Amino acid sequence: MFNTVKLYYSLTKPGVLFGNVITSAAGFFLASKGHIDLWLLISVFIGTSLVIASACVLNNYLDQDIDRIMDRTKKRAVADGAIDGYKAVIFSAVLGVSGAAILYLYTNYLVLILGLIGYITYVVLYGMLSKRLSYYGTLVGSVSGAIPILSGYCAVTGRIDAAATLLFIILFLWQLPEFYSIAVYRMSEYKAANIPVISVVKGIKQTKIHIFVATVGFVVSTVMLTILGYTGYIYLGVMGALGLYWIKLGFSGLKTKENDQWARGMFKFSLIMLLTFSFMVSIDYFLI
């Protein structure tokens, strides 16, 4: 029984799920400005998590053919036959309907709409279409990945304003160096699976340039939160210092020949940036 539960849980891609929940919380806390509606927070967390989990489970089903080829995905429960595909689809449907119901009943229509947009973008526009057709698929996937922080913010405000737009841009840009770095050190696997990621289509050199530009864009966007008056100077100091280091790391990649080692370092630091950003945004009101 425990093993079965563990297998189904793995289908939700816990790492992806955790990252999205963290950013959703960041958006929520920034908008709340210290006045936390606990029931709304719980509803957003649970509803958003279930919708994202549903999308991830369905993605497992849709990607099972290419998952069997790549080392990092070949042990996924659907790909290796541990869970039947139709059972995964049913599980996905239950999660999705439950999550949408919670968002509908206990948040607001905007959060529900954003959740559905994120779901369709990830499953259909990214997973079923662009991921297999063009290296621009990463951009499409990054749209869905930037939705949770927007949902968390809009759960409180009920509207999309300048801060919400900036949060979306920040998370969109963050995903590019994060995923492009994976595309560098996993290039041979993507090539074998016939997935047209940027490193396969454009080569390592162009990928490095895209990583550097996106990194600079991310750092500038995080600073803009303070310039526009949404965060304070402690946030600015922390994000500015880490951001400059990430830019330096990205620039070093333009000259290095140790591509895999450098790309792994960029990826690991991207996770530090995400966690730090989410944490600083969440506590910023109490630091001002």
C-alpha atoms as a PDB file:
ATOM      1  CA  MET A   1       0.000   0.000   0.000  1.00  0.00           C
ATOM      2  CA  PHE A   2       2.749   2.431   0.982  1.00  0.00           C
ATOM      3  CA  ASN A   3       4.680   1.700  -2.217  1.00  0.00           C
ATOM      4  CA  THR A   4       1.568   2.321  -4.321  1.00  0.00           C
ATOM      5  CA  VAL A   5       0.936   5.668  -2.633  1.00  0.00           C
ATOM      6  CA  LYS A   6       4.591   6.563  -3.132  1.00  0.00           C
ATOM      7  CA  LEU A   7       4.356   5.757  -6.852  1.00  0.00           C
ATOM      8  CA  TYR A   8       1.254   7.890  -7.355  1.00  0.00           C
ATOM      9  CA  TYR A   9       2.833  10.687  -5.367  1.00  0.00           C
ATOM     10  CA  SER A  10       5.888  10.551  -7.634  1.00  0.00           C
ATOM     11  CA  LEU A  11       3.628  11.185 -10.634  1.00  0.00           C
ATOM     12  CA  THR A  12       2.861  14.644  -9.279  1.00  0.00           C
ATOM     13  CA  LYS A  13       6.541  15.609  -9.719  1.00  0.00           C
ATOM     14  CA  PRO A  14       7.055  16.732  -6.093  1.00  0.00           C
ATOM     15  CA  GLY A  15      10.030  18.942  -6.956  1.00  0.00           C
ATOM     16  CA  VAL A  16       8.031  20.886  -9.536  1.00  0.00           C
ATOM     17  CA  LEU A  17       5.037  20.987  -7.213  1.00  0.00           C
ATOM     18  CA  PHE A  18       7.082  22.313  -4.304  1.00  0.00           C
ATOM     19  CA  GLY A  19       8.644  25.062  -6.400  1.00  0.00           C
ATOM     20  CA  ASN A  20       5.283  26.246  -7.669  1.00  0.00           C
ATOM     21  CA  VAL A  21       3.724  26.233  -4.213  1.00  0.00           C
ATOM     22  CA  ILE A  22       6.635  28.290  -2.884  1.00  0.00           C
ATOM     23  CA  THR A  23       6.185  30.940  -5.573  1.00  0.00           C
ATOM     24  CA  SER A  24       2.421  30.962  -5.074  1.00  0.00           C
ATOM     25  CA  ALA A  25       3.031  31.693  -1.397  1.00  0.00           C
ATOM     26  CA  ALA A  26       5.444  34.486  -2.307  1.00  0.00           C
ATOM     27  CA  GLY A  27       2.820  36.204  -4.432  1.00  0.00           C
ATOM     28  CA  PHE A  28       0.212  35.762  -1.715  1.00  0.00           C
ATOM     29  CA  PHE A  29       2.376  37.209   1.070  1.00  0.00           C
ATOM     30  CA  LEU A  30       3.542  40.152  -1.024  1.00  0.00           C
ATOM     31  CA  ALA A  31      -0.057  41.112  -1.802  1.00  0.00           C
ATOM     32  CA  SER A  32      -1.227  40.535   1.776  1.00  0.00           C
ATOM     33  CA  LYS A  33       1.134  43.157   3.257  1.00  0.00           C
ATOM     34  CA  GLY A  34       1.126  41.476   6.642  1.00  0.00           C
ATOM     35  CA  HIS A  35      -2.627  40.862   6.830  1.00  0.00           C
ATOM     36  CA  ILE A  36      -2.922  37.117   6.253  1.00  0.00           C
ATOM     37  CA  ASP A  37      -6.305  35.533   5.539  1.00  0.00           C
ATOM     38  CA  LEU A  38      -5.416  32.027   6.731  1.00  0.00           C
ATOM     39  CA  TRP A  39      -8.414  30.279   5.163  1.00  0.00           C
ATOM     40  CA  LEU A  40      -7.758  31.936   1.801  1.00  0.00           C
ATOM     41  CA  LEU A  41      -4.084  30.997   2.040  1.00  0.00           C
ATOM     42  CA  ILE A  42      -4.925  27.345   2.731  1.00  0.00           C
ATOM     43  CA  SER A  43      -7.472  27.292  -0.105  1.00  0.00           C
ATOM     44  CA  VAL A  44      -4.985  28.756  -2.575  1.00  0.00           C
ATOM     45  CA  PHE A  45      -2.292  26.316  -1.476  1.00  0.00           C
ATOM     46  CA  ILE A  46      -4.465  23.221  -1.729  1.00  0.00           C
ATOM     47  CA  GLY A  47      -6.391  24.212  -4.851  1.00  0.00           C
ATOM     48  CA  THR A  48      -3.333  25.353  -6.771  1.00  0.00           C
ATOM     49  CA  SER A  49      -1.308  22.321  -5.674  1.00  0.00           C
ATOM     50  CA  LEU A  50      -3.993  19.909  -6.871  1.00  0.00           C
ATOM     51  CA  VAL A  51      -4.326  21.615 -10.267  1.00  0.00           C
ATOM     52  CA  ILE A  52      -0.544  21.638 -10.772  1.00  0.00           C
ATOM     53  CA  ALA A  53      -0.291  18.023  -9.600  1.00  0.00           C
ATOM     54  CA  SER A  54      -2.996  17.058 -12.100  1.00  0.00           C
ATOM     55  CA  ALA A  55      -1.063  18.690 -14.938  1.00  0.00           C
ATOM     56  CA  CYS A  56       2.161  16.948 -13.886  1.00  0.00           C
ATOM     57  CA  VAL A  57       0.482  13.531 -13.703  1.00  0.00           C
ATOM     58  CA  LEU A  58      -1.026  13.956 -17.159  1.00  0.00           C
ATOM     59  CA  ASN A  59       2.360  15.087 -18.433  1.00  0.00           C
ATOM     60  CA  ASN A  60       3.781  11.770 -17.216  1.00  0.00           C
ATOM     61  CA  TYR A  61       1.237   9.974 -19.358  1.00  0.00           C
ATOM     62  CA  LEU A  62       1.832  12.123 -22.443  1.00  0.00           C
ATOM     63  CA  ASP A  63       5.633  11.948 -22.201  1.00  0.00           C
ATOM     64  CA  GLN A  64       6.010   8.260 -21.460  1.00  0.00           C
ATOM     65  CA  ASP A  65       7.499   7.535 -24.885  1.00  0.00           C
ATOM     66  CA  ILE A  66      10.321  10.056 -24.540  1.00  0.00           C
ATOM     67  CA  ASP A  67      10.702   9.442 -20.807  1.00  0.00           C
ATOM     68  CA  ARG A  68      11.787   5.873 -21.553  1.00  0.00           C
ATOM     69  CA  ILE A  69      14.716   7.219 -23.587  1.00  0.00           C
ATOM     70  CA  MET A  70      16.144   9.783 -21.175  1.00  0.00           C
ATOM     71  CA  ASP A  71      18.185   8.677 -18.152  1.00  0.00           C
ATOM     72  CA  ARG A  72      16.676  11.227 -15.778  1.00  0.00           C
ATOM     73  CA  THR A  73      13.085  10.220 -16.609  1.00  0.00           C
ATOM     74  CA  LYS A  74      13.140   6.541 -17.580  1.00  0.00           C
ATOM     75  CA  LYS A  75      12.260   5.419 -14.056  1.00  0.00           C
ATOM     76  CA  ARG A  76       9.061   7.456 -13.861  1.00  0.00           C
ATOM     77  CA  ALA A  77       6.130   5.276 -12.826  1.00  0.00           C
ATOM     78  CA  VAL A  78       4.207   5.409 -16.118  1.00  0.00           C
ATOM     79  CA  ALA A  79       7.301   5.184 -18.310  1.00  0.00           C
ATOM     80  CA  ASP A  80       8.580   2.004 -16.633  1.00  0.00           C
ATOM     81  CA  GLY A  81       5.111   0.436 -16.413  1.00  0.00           C
ATOM     82  CA  ALA A  82       4.729   0.590 -12.623  1.00  0.00           C
ATOM     83  CA  ILE A  83       1.411   2.410 -13.091  1.00  0.00           C
ATOM     84  CA  ASP A  84      -0.938   1.865 -16.030  1.00  0.00           C
ATOM     85  CA  GLY A  85      -1.500   4.878 -18.249  1.00  0.00           C
ATOM     86  CA  TYR A  86      -5.284   4.903 -17.889  1.00  0.00           C
ATOM     87  CA  LYS A  87      -4.968   4.877 -14.086  1.00  0.00           C
ATOM     88  CA  ALA A  88      -2.656   7.887 -14.293  1.00  0.00           C
ATOM     89  CA  VAL A  89      -5.199   9.740 -16.441  1.00  0.00           C
ATOM     90  CA  ILE A  90      -7.992   8.989 -13.939  1.00  0.00           C
ATOM     91  CA  PHE A  91      -5.764  10.131 -11.079  1.00  0.00           C
ATOM     92  CA  SER A  92      -4.994  13.326 -12.969  1.00  0.00           C
ATOM     93  CA  ALA A  93      -8.696  14.007 -13.568  1.00  0.00           C
ATOM     94  CA  VAL A  94      -9.565  13.539  -9.897  1.00  0.00           C
ATOM     95  CA  LEU A  95      -6.790  15.894  -8.825  1.00  0.00           C
ATOM     96  CA  GLY A  96      -7.701  18.513 -11.421  1.00  0.00           C
ATOM     97  CA  VAL A  97     -11.436  18.563 -10.710  1.00  0.00           C
ATOM     98  CA  SER A  98     -10.829  18.682  -6.956  1.00  0.00           C
ATOM     99  CA  GLY A  99      -8.359  21.534  -7.268  1.00  0.00           C
ATOM    100  CA  ALA A 100     -10.573  23.552  -9.605  1.00  0.00           C
ATOM    101  CA  ALA A 101     -13.545  23.065  -7.260  1.00  0.00           C
ATOM    102  CA  ILE A 102     -11.576  24.403  -4.293  1.00  0.00           C
ATOM    103  CA  LEU A 103     -10.390  27.434  -6.254  1.00  0.00           C
ATOM    104  CA  TYR A 104     -13.945  28.093  -7.477  1.00  0.00           C
ATOM    105  CA  LEU A 105     -15.555  27.782  -4.052  1.00  0.00           C
ATOM    106  CA  TYR A 106     -13.009  29.452  -1.808  1.00  0.00           C
ATOM    107  CA  THR A 107     -10.897  31.904  -3.825  1.00  0.00           C
ATOM    108  CA  ASN A 108     -12.049  34.068  -6.732  1.00  0.00           C
ATOM    109  CA  TYR A 109     -12.814  33.660 -10.415  1.00  0.00           C
ATOM    110  CA  LEU A 110      -9.519  35.218 -11.490  1.00  0.00           C
ATOM    111  CA  VAL A 111      -7.504  32.596  -9.597  1.00  0.00           C
ATOM    112  CA  LEU A 112      -9.595  29.829 -11.138  1.00  0.00           C
ATOM    113  CA  ILE A 113      -9.149  31.264 -14.638  1.00  0.00           C
ATOM    114  CA  LEU A 114      -5.398  31.633 -14.128  1.00  0.00           C
ATOM    115  CA  GLY A 115      -5.211  28.047 -12.900  1.00  0.00           C
ATOM    116  CA  LEU A 116      -7.023  26.796 -15.992  1.00  0.00           C
ATOM    117  CA  ILE A 117      -4.811  28.894 -18.267  1.00  0.00           C
ATOM    118  CA  GLY A 118      -1.716  27.470 -16.602  1.00  0.00           C
ATOM    119  CA  TYR A 119      -3.084  23.937 -16.909  1.00  0.00           C
ATOM    120  CA  ILE A 120      -3.935  24.227 -20.602  1.00  0.00           C
ATOM    121  CA  THR A 121      -0.655  25.963 -21.383  1.00  0.00           C
ATOM    122  CA  TYR A 122       1.419  23.287 -19.678  1.00  0.00           C
ATOM    123  CA  VAL A 123      -0.474  20.195 -20.795  1.00  0.00           C
ATOM    124  CA  VAL A 124      -1.634  21.151 -24.285  1.00  0.00           C
ATOM    125  CA  LEU A 125       0.403  24.061 -25.645  1.00  0.00           C
ATOM    126  CA  TYR A 126       3.660  22.868 -24.090  1.00  0.00           C
ATOM    127  CA  GLY A 127       3.438  19.135 -23.388  1.00  0.00           C
ATOM    128  CA  MET A 128       1.418  18.033 -26.407  1.00  0.00           C
ATOM    129  CA  LEU A 129       2.574  20.563 -28.984  1.00  0.00           C
ATOM    130  CA  SER A 130       5.498  22.993 -28.704  1.00  0.00           C
ATOM    131  CA  LYS A 131       7.799  20.809 -26.602  1.00  0.00           C
ATOM    132  CA  ARG A 132       8.058  18.321 -29.455  1.00  0.00           C
ATOM    133  CA  LEU A 133       8.029  20.829 -32.290  1.00  0.00           C
ATOM    134  CA  SER A 134      10.296  23.758 -31.448  1.00  0.00           C
ATOM    135  CA  TYR A 135      12.890  25.001 -28.985  1.00  0.00           C
ATOM    136  CA  TYR A 136      10.435  27.841 -28.364  1.00  0.00           C
ATOM    137  CA  GLY A 137       8.524  25.274 -26.331  1.00  0.00           C
ATOM    138  CA  THR A 138      10.586  26.350 -23.329  1.00  0.00           C
ATOM    139  CA  LEU A 139       9.057  29.822 -23.595  1.00  0.00           C
ATOM    140  CA  VAL A 140       5.578  28.319 -23.671  1.00  0.00           C
ATOM    141  CA  GLY A 141       6.341  26.138 -20.677  1.00  0.00           C
ATOM    142  CA  SER A 142       7.711  29.144 -18.821  1.00  0.00           C
ATOM    143  CA  VAL A 143       4.342  30.870 -19.147  1.00  0.00           C
ATOM    144  CA  SER A 144       2.666  28.085 -17.183  1.00  0.00           C
ATOM    145  CA  GLY A 145       5.494  28.096 -14.648  1.00  0.00           C
ATOM    146  CA  ALA A 146       4.955  31.809 -13.977  1.00  0.00           C
ATOM    147  CA  ILE A 147       1.219  31.435 -13.312  1.00  0.00           C
ATOM    148  CA  PRO A 148       1.361  30.231  -9.660  1.00  0.00           C
ATOM    149  CA  ILE A 149       2.971  33.403  -8.285  1.00  0.00           C
ATOM    150  CA  LEU A 150       0.388  35.397 -10.220  1.00  0.00           C
ATOM    151  CA  SER A 151      -2.412  33.262  -8.777  1.00  0.00           C
ATOM    152  CA  GLY A 152      -1.130  33.723  -5.240  1.00  0.00           C
ATOM    153  CA  TYR A 153      -1.004  37.478  -5.674  1.00  0.00           C
ATOM    154  CA  CYS A 154      -4.399  37.746  -7.363  1.00  0.00           C
ATOM    155  CA  ALA A 155      -6.054  35.572  -4.711  1.00  0.00           C
ATOM    156  CA  VAL A 156      -5.550  38.523  -2.371  1.00  0.00           C
ATOM    157  CA  THR A 157      -6.049  41.468  -4.724  1.00  0.00           C
ATOM    158  CA  GLY A 158      -8.580  40.055  -7.171  1.00  0.00           C
ATOM    159  CA  ARG A 159      -6.905  41.906 -10.019  1.00  0.00           C
ATOM    160  CA  ILE A 160      -3.811  41.959 -12.208  1.00  0.00           C
ATOM    161  CA  ASP A 161      -1.854  45.147 -11.579  1.00  0.00           C
ATOM    162  CA  ALA A 162       1.723  46.311 -12.209  1.00  0.00           C
ATOM    163  CA  ALA A 163       3.134  44.256  -9.332  1.00  0.00           C
ATOM    164  CA  ALA A 164       1.380  41.117 -10.541  1.00  0.00           C
ATOM    165  CA  THR A 165       2.698  41.656 -14.047  1.00  0.00           C
ATOM    166  CA  LEU A 166       6.231  42.152 -12.742  1.00  0.00           C
ATOM    167  CA  LEU A 167       6.029  38.992 -10.628  1.00  0.00           C
ATOM    168  CA  PHE A 168       4.960  37.074 -13.720  1.00  0.00           C
ATOM    169  CA  ILE A 169       7.876  38.466 -15.727  1.00  0.00           C
ATOM    170  CA  ILE A 170      10.352  37.617 -12.950  1.00  0.00           C
ATOM    171  CA  LEU A 171       9.259  33.972 -12.766  1.00  0.00           C
ATOM    172  CA  PHE A 172       9.077  33.701 -16.558  1.00  0.00           C
ATOM    173  CA  LEU A 173      12.654  34.929 -16.943  1.00  0.00           C
ATOM    174  CA  TRP A 174      13.949  32.803 -14.063  1.00  0.00           C
ATOM    175  CA  GLN A 175      12.918  29.602 -15.816  1.00  0.00           C
ATOM    176  CA  LEU A 176      15.001  30.287 -18.921  1.00  0.00           C
ATOM    177  CA  PRO A 177      18.507  30.049 -17.401  1.00  0.00           C
ATOM    178  CA  GLU A 178      17.221  27.295 -15.111  1.00  0.00           C
ATOM    179  CA  PHE A 179      15.992  25.062 -17.943  1.00  0.00           C
ATOM    180  CA  TYR A 180      18.570  26.106 -20.545  1.00  0.00           C
ATOM    181  CA  SER A 181      21.272  25.031 -18.093  1.00  0.00           C
ATOM    182  CA  ILE A 182      19.684  21.583 -17.950  1.00  0.00           C
ATOM    183  CA  ALA A 183      19.549  21.609 -21.729  1.00  0.00           C
ATOM    184  CA  VAL A 184      23.320  22.058 -21.783  1.00  0.00           C
ATOM    185  CA  TYR A 185      24.388  19.224 -19.498  1.00  0.00           C
ATOM    186  CA  ARG A 186      21.560  16.929 -20.657  1.00  0.00           C
ATOM    187  CA  MET A 187      21.902  17.771 -24.348  1.00  0.00           C
ATOM    188  CA  SER A 188      22.765  14.240 -25.471  1.00  0.00           C
ATOM    189  CA  GLU A 189      19.640  12.862 -23.790  1.00  0.00           C
ATOM    190  CA  TYR A 190      17.355  15.438 -25.400  1.00  0.00           C
ATOM    191  CA  LYS A 191      18.989  14.755 -28.742  1.00  0.00           C
ATOM    192  CA  ALA A 192      18.432  11.010 -28.368  1.00  0.00           C
ATOM    193  CA  ALA A 193      14.775  11.616 -27.488  1.00  0.00           C
ATOM    194  CA  ASN A 194      14.410  13.964 -30.478  1.00  0.00           C
ATOM    195  CA  ILE A 195      13.329  16.877 -28.284  1.00  0.00           C
ATOM    196  CA  PRO A 196      14.305  20.181 -29.970  1.00  0.00           C
ATOM    197  CA  VAL A 197      15.626  22.075 -26.941  1.00  0.00           C
ATOM    198  CA  ILE A 198      17.747  25.139 -27.609  1.00  0.00           C
ATOM    199  CA  SER A 199      21.105  23.397 -27.094  1.00  0.00           C
ATOM    200  CA  VAL A 200      20.212  20.760 -29.689  1.00  0.00           C
ATOM    201  CA  VAL A 201      18.863  23.237 -32.246  1.00  0.00           C
ATOM    202  CA  LYS A 202      21.102  26.282 -31.733  1.00  0.00           C
ATOM    203  CA  GLY A 203      24.187  24.770 -30.129  1.00  0.00           C
ATOM    204  CA  ILE A 204      25.925  25.346 -26.815  1.00  0.00           C
ATOM    205  CA  LYS A 205      27.338  28.783 -27.647  1.00  0.00           C
ATOM    206  CA  GLN A 206      23.945  30.300 -28.484  1.00  0.00           C
ATOM    207  CA  THR A 207      22.427  28.619 -25.452  1.00  0.00           C
ATOM    208  CA  LYS A 208      25.015  30.261 -23.209  1.00  0.00           C
ATOM    209  CA  ILE A 209      24.178  33.668 -24.670  1.00  0.00           C
ATOM    210  CA  HIS A 210      20.475  33.113 -24.052  1.00  0.00           C
ATOM    211  CA  ILE A 211      21.224  32.029 -20.486  1.00  0.00           C
ATOM    212  CA  PHE A 212      23.266  35.175 -19.821  1.00  0.00           C
ATOM    213  CA  VAL A 213      20.664  37.534 -21.310  1.00  0.00           C
ATOM    214  CA  ALA A 214      17.821  35.891 -19.387  1.00  0.00           C
ATOM    215  CA  THR A 215      19.838  36.023 -16.164  1.00  0.00           C
ATOM    216  CA  VAL A 216      20.410  39.751 -16.570  1.00  0.00           C
ATOM    217  CA  GLY A 217      16.722  40.225 -17.358  1.00  0.00           C
ATOM    218  CA  PHE A 218      15.722  38.328 -14.232  1.00  0.00           C
ATOM    219  CA  VAL A 219      17.995  40.373 -11.973  1.00  0.00           C
ATOM    220  CA  VAL A 220      16.808  43.679 -13.453  1.00  0.00           C
ATOM    221  CA  SER A 221      13.191  42.599 -12.987  1.00  0.00           C
ATOM    222  CA  THR A 222      13.719  41.704  -9.326  1.00  0.00           C
ATOM    223  CA  VAL A 223      15.291  45.118  -8.720  1.00  0.00           C
ATOM    224  CA  MET A 224      12.310  46.798 -10.386  1.00  0.00           C
ATOM    225  CA  LEU A 225      10.072  45.606  -7.558  1.00  0.00           C
ATOM    226  CA  THR A 226      11.913  48.007  -5.252  1.00  0.00           C
ATOM    227  CA  ILE A 227      12.223  50.809  -7.786  1.00  0.00           C
ATOM    228  CA  LEU A 228       8.437  50.734  -8.272  1.00  0.00           C
ATOM    229  CA  GLY A 229       7.860  50.725  -4.533  1.00  0.00           C
ATOM    230  CA  TYR A 230       6.632  47.182  -3.949  1.00  0.00           C
ATOM    231  CA  THR A 231       9.580  45.987  -1.843  1.00  0.00           C
ATOM    232  CA  GLY A 232      12.069  47.557   0.534  1.00  0.00           C
ATOM    233  CA  TYR A 233      15.807  48.083   0.596  1.00  0.00           C
ATOM    234  CA  ILE A 234      16.722  44.967   2.563  1.00  0.00           C
ATOM    235  CA  TYR A 235      15.100  42.898  -0.203  1.00  0.00           C
ATOM    236  CA  LEU A 236      16.980  45.007  -2.747  1.00  0.00           C
ATOM    237  CA  GLY A 237      20.314  44.461  -1.021  1.00  0.00           C
ATOM    238  CA  VAL A 238      19.919  40.697  -0.796  1.00  0.00           C
ATOM    239  CA  MET A 239      18.560  40.187  -4.303  1.00  0.00           C
ATOM    240  CA  GLY A 240      21.001  42.692  -5.777  1.00  0.00           C
ATOM    241  CA  ALA A 241      24.031  40.949  -4.273  1.00  0.00           C
ATOM    242  CA  LEU A 242      22.927  37.458  -5.285  1.00  0.00           C
ATOM    243  CA  GLY A 243      21.814  38.731  -8.657  1.00  0.00           C
ATOM    244  CA  LEU A 244      25.196  40.238  -9.438  1.00  0.00           C
ATOM    245  CA  TYR A 245      26.862  36.955  -8.543  1.00  0.00           C
ATOM    246  CA  TRP A 246      24.470  35.039 -10.803  1.00  0.00           C
ATOM    247  CA  ILE A 247      25.206  37.449 -13.645  1.00  0.00           C
ATOM    248  CA  LYS A 248      28.934  36.955 -13.051  1.00  0.00           C
ATOM    249  CA  LEU A 249      28.432  33.182 -13.102  1.00  0.00           C
ATOM    250  CA  GLY A 250      26.421  33.445 -16.316  1.00  0.00           C
ATOM    251  CA  PHE A 251      29.081  35.607 -17.949  1.00  0.00           C
ATOM    252  CA  SER A 252      31.801  33.127 -16.999  1.00  0.00           C
ATOM    253  CA  GLY A 253      29.936  30.526 -19.033  1.00  0.00           C
ATOM    254  CA  LEU A 254      30.574  32.506 -22.209  1.00  0.00           C
ATOM    255  CA  LYS A 255      34.297  31.795 -21.853  1.00  0.00           C
ATOM    256  CA  THR A 256      34.498  28.410 -20.173  1.00  0.00           C
ATOM    257  CA  LYS A 257      35.059  25.132 -21.980  1.00  0.00           C
ATOM    258  CA  GLU A 258      33.817  23.108 -19.015  1.00  0.00           C
ATOM    259  CA  ASN A 259      30.247  23.383 -20.243  1.00  0.00           C
ATOM    260  CA  ASP A 260      28.618  20.626 -18.225  1.00  0.00           C
ATOM    261  CA  GLN A 261      30.228  21.631 -14.951  1.00  0.00           C
ATOM    262  CA  TRP A 262      29.354  25.289 -15.480  1.00  0.00           C
ATOM    263  CA  ALA A 263      25.757  24.485 -16.483  1.00  0.00           C
ATOM    264  CA  ARG A 264      25.220  22.355 -13.392  1.00  0.00           C
ATOM    265  CA  GLY A 265      26.489  25.248 -11.287  1.00  0.00           C
ATOM    266  CA  MET A 266      24.095  27.656 -13.022  1.00  0.00           C
ATOM    267  CA  PHE A 267      21.195  25.284 -12.435  1.00  0.00           C
ATOM    268  CA  LYS A 268      21.975  24.810  -8.742  1.00  0.00           C
ATOM    269  CA  PHE A 269      22.330  28.536  -8.200  1.00  0.00           C
ATOM    270  CA  SER A 270      19.037  29.149 -10.002  1.00  0.00           C
ATOM    271  CA  LEU A 271      17.335  27.155  -7.244  1.00  0.00           C
ATOM    272  CA  ILE A 272      19.039  29.300  -4.616  1.00  0.00           C
ATOM    273  CA  MET A 273      17.816  32.404  -6.419  1.00  0.00           C
ATOM    274  CA  LEU A 274      14.238  31.142  -6.539  1.00  0.00           C
ATOM    275  CA  LEU A 275      14.130  30.185  -2.876  1.00  0.00           C
ATOM    276  CA  THR A 276      15.780  33.431  -1.791  1.00  0.00           C
ATOM    277  CA  PHE A 277      13.504  35.554  -3.947  1.00  0.00           C
ATOM    278  CA  SER A 278      10.382  33.796  -2.670  1.00  0.00           C
ATOM    279  CA  PHE A 279      11.531  34.120   0.940  1.00  0.00           C
ATOM    280  CA  MET A 280      12.502  37.789   0.686  1.00  0.00           C
ATOM    281  CA  VAL A 281       9.261  38.727  -1.062  1.00  0.00           C
ATOM    282  CA  SER A 282       7.279  36.850   1.583  1.00  0.00           C
ATOM    283  CA  ILE A 283       8.868  38.612   4.567  1.00  0.00           C
ATOM    284  CA  ASP A 284       9.525  41.992   2.953  1.00  0.00           C
ATOM    285  CA  TYR A 285       6.565  43.747   4.617  1.00  0.00           C
ATOM    286  CA  PHE A 286       7.946  42.912   8.057  1.00  0.00           C
ATOM    287  CA  LEU A 287      11.390  44.285   7.168  1.00  0.00           C
ATOM    288  CA  ILE A 288      10.250  47.736   6.082  1.00  0.00           C
END
